[in-house]
Amino acid sequence: MNDDYKDSYESDEANLDSKSDAKVILFLIIVAVIAMTYWVAVQ
């Protein structure tokens, strides 16, 4: 799977940027799900 990353991105820097972006998006999704769950529970 490591080879797939090298084919998809032009440089190691772009590869690291994409991984950090994915972590941020995942974190935001988790926060949104928790917020929605809390909002529904309070109603």
N, C-alpha and C. Protein backbone atom coordinates (compact mmCIF):
# COMPACT_ATOMS: atom_id res chain seq x y z
N MET A 1 0.83 -1.19 0.00
CA MET A 1 0.00 0.00 0.00
C MET A 1 0.87 1.25 0.00
N ASN A 2 2.04 1.15 0.53
CA ASN A 2 2.95 2.29 0.54
C ASN A 2 3.29 2.71 -0.89
N ASP A 3 3.39 1.75 -1.80
CA ASP A 3 3.68 2.07 -3.20
C ASP A 3 2.55 2.86 -3.83
N ASP A 4 1.30 2.59 -3.42
CA ASP A 4 0.16 3.33 -3.96
C ASP A 4 0.27 4.81 -3.63
N TYR A 5 0.71 5.12 -2.42
CA TYR A 5 0.89 6.53 -2.05
C TYR A 5 1.93 7.19 -2.94
N LYS A 6 3.03 6.50 -3.19
CA LYS A 6 4.09 7.09 -4.00
C LYS A 6 3.63 7.34 -5.42
N ASP A 7 2.75 6.49 -5.94
CA ASP A 7 2.23 6.69 -7.29
C ASP A 7 1.23 7.85 -7.33
N SER A 8 0.49 8.05 -6.26
CA SER A 8 -0.59 9.04 -6.26
C SER A 8 -0.11 10.46 -6.02
N TYR A 9 0.97 10.62 -5.29
CA TYR A 9 1.41 11.96 -4.92
C TYR A 9 2.79 12.24 -5.50
N GLU A 10 3.03 13.50 -5.79
CA GLU A 10 4.27 13.88 -6.46
C GLU A 10 5.47 13.83 -5.52
N SER A 11 5.24 14.09 -4.23
CA SER A 11 6.36 14.15 -3.30
C SER A 11 5.94 13.61 -1.93
N ASP A 12 6.94 13.37 -1.09
CA ASP A 12 6.66 12.93 0.27
C ASP A 12 5.90 14.00 1.04
N GLU A 13 6.22 15.27 0.75
CA GLU A 13 5.53 16.37 1.44
C GLU A 13 4.03 16.35 1.12
N ALA A 14 3.67 16.15 -0.14
CA ALA A 14 2.26 16.07 -0.53
C ALA A 14 1.60 14.87 0.13
N ASN A 15 2.32 13.78 0.25
CA ASN A 15 1.80 12.58 0.90
C ASN A 15 1.49 12.86 2.37
N LEU A 16 2.39 13.52 3.07
CA LEU A 16 2.17 13.84 4.48
C LEU A 16 1.03 14.82 4.64
N ASP A 17 0.92 15.79 3.75
CA ASP A 17 -0.18 16.76 3.81
C ASP A 17 -1.52 16.05 3.67
N SER A 18 -1.61 15.10 2.76
CA SER A 18 -2.87 14.40 2.55
C SER A 18 -3.24 13.57 3.77
N LYS A 19 -2.25 12.97 4.41
CA LYS A 19 -2.53 12.17 5.61
C LYS A 19 -3.01 13.06 6.75
N SER A 20 -2.39 14.22 6.93
CA SER A 20 -2.82 15.11 8.01
C SER A 20 -4.20 15.68 7.71
N ASP A 21 -4.48 15.98 6.44
CA ASP A 21 -5.82 16.45 6.07
C ASP A 21 -6.87 15.39 6.39
N ALA A 22 -6.55 14.14 6.10
CA ALA A 22 -7.50 13.06 6.37
C ALA A 22 -7.76 12.94 7.86
N LYS A 23 -6.73 13.11 8.69
CA LYS A 23 -6.92 13.02 10.14
C LYS A 23 -7.80 14.17 10.64
N VAL A 24 -7.59 15.37 10.10
CA VAL A 24 -8.40 16.52 10.51
C VAL A 24 -9.86 16.30 10.13
N ILE A 25 -10.10 15.82 8.90
CA ILE A 25 -11.47 15.58 8.45
C ILE A 25 -12.13 14.50 9.31
N LEU A 26 -11.41 13.44 9.61
CA LEU A 26 -11.95 12.39 10.46
C LEU A 26 -12.32 12.94 11.84
N PHE A 27 -11.44 13.76 12.41
CA PHE A 27 -11.72 14.37 13.71
C PHE A 27 -12.98 15.23 13.65
N LEU A 28 -13.13 16.03 12.59
CA LEU A 28 -14.30 16.89 12.46
C LEU A 28 -15.58 16.07 12.32
N ILE A 29 -15.51 14.96 11.59
CA ILE A 29 -16.68 14.09 11.44
C ILE A 29 -17.08 13.51 12.79
N ILE A 30 -16.08 13.06 13.57
CA ILE A 30 -16.37 12.48 14.89
C ILE A 30 -17.01 13.53 15.80
N VAL A 31 -16.47 14.75 15.78
CA VAL A 31 -17.05 15.81 16.60
C VAL A 31 -18.48 16.11 16.16
N ALA A 32 -18.73 16.14 14.86
CA ALA A 32 -20.07 16.41 14.35
C ALA A 32 -21.05 15.32 14.79
N VAL A 33 -20.63 14.06 14.73
CA VAL A 33 -21.50 12.96 15.14
C VAL A 33 -21.82 13.05 16.62
N ILE A 34 -20.83 13.37 17.44
CA ILE A 34 -21.06 13.51 18.88
C ILE A 34 -22.02 14.67 19.14
N ALA A 35 -21.82 15.78 18.44
CA ALA A 35 -22.70 16.94 18.63
C ALA A 35 -24.13 16.62 18.21
N MET A 36 -24.31 15.94 17.10
CA MET A 36 -25.65 15.55 16.65
C MET A 36 -26.31 14.61 17.65
N THR A 37 -25.54 13.65 18.15
CA THR A 37 -26.08 12.70 19.13
C THR A 37 -26.53 13.43 20.39
N TYR A 38 -25.72 14.36 20.86
CA TYR A 38 -26.09 15.14 22.05
C TYR A 38 -27.33 15.98 21.78
N TRP A 39 -27.38 16.61 20.61
CA TRP A 39 -28.53 17.47 20.27
C TRP A 39 -29.83 16.66 20.23
N VAL A 40 -29.76 15.47 19.63
CA VAL A 40 -30.95 14.61 19.55
C VAL A 40 -31.34 14.13 20.95
N ALA A 41 -30.37 13.81 21.79
CA ALA A 41 -30.67 13.31 23.13
C ALA A 41 -31.32 14.39 23.99
N VAL A 42 -30.96 15.63 23.78
CA VAL A 42 -31.50 16.73 24.59
C VAL A 42 -32.92 17.07 24.18
N GLN A 43 -33.28 16.83 22.96
CA GLN A 43 -34.62 17.19 22.46
C GLN A 43 -35.70 16.42 23.19
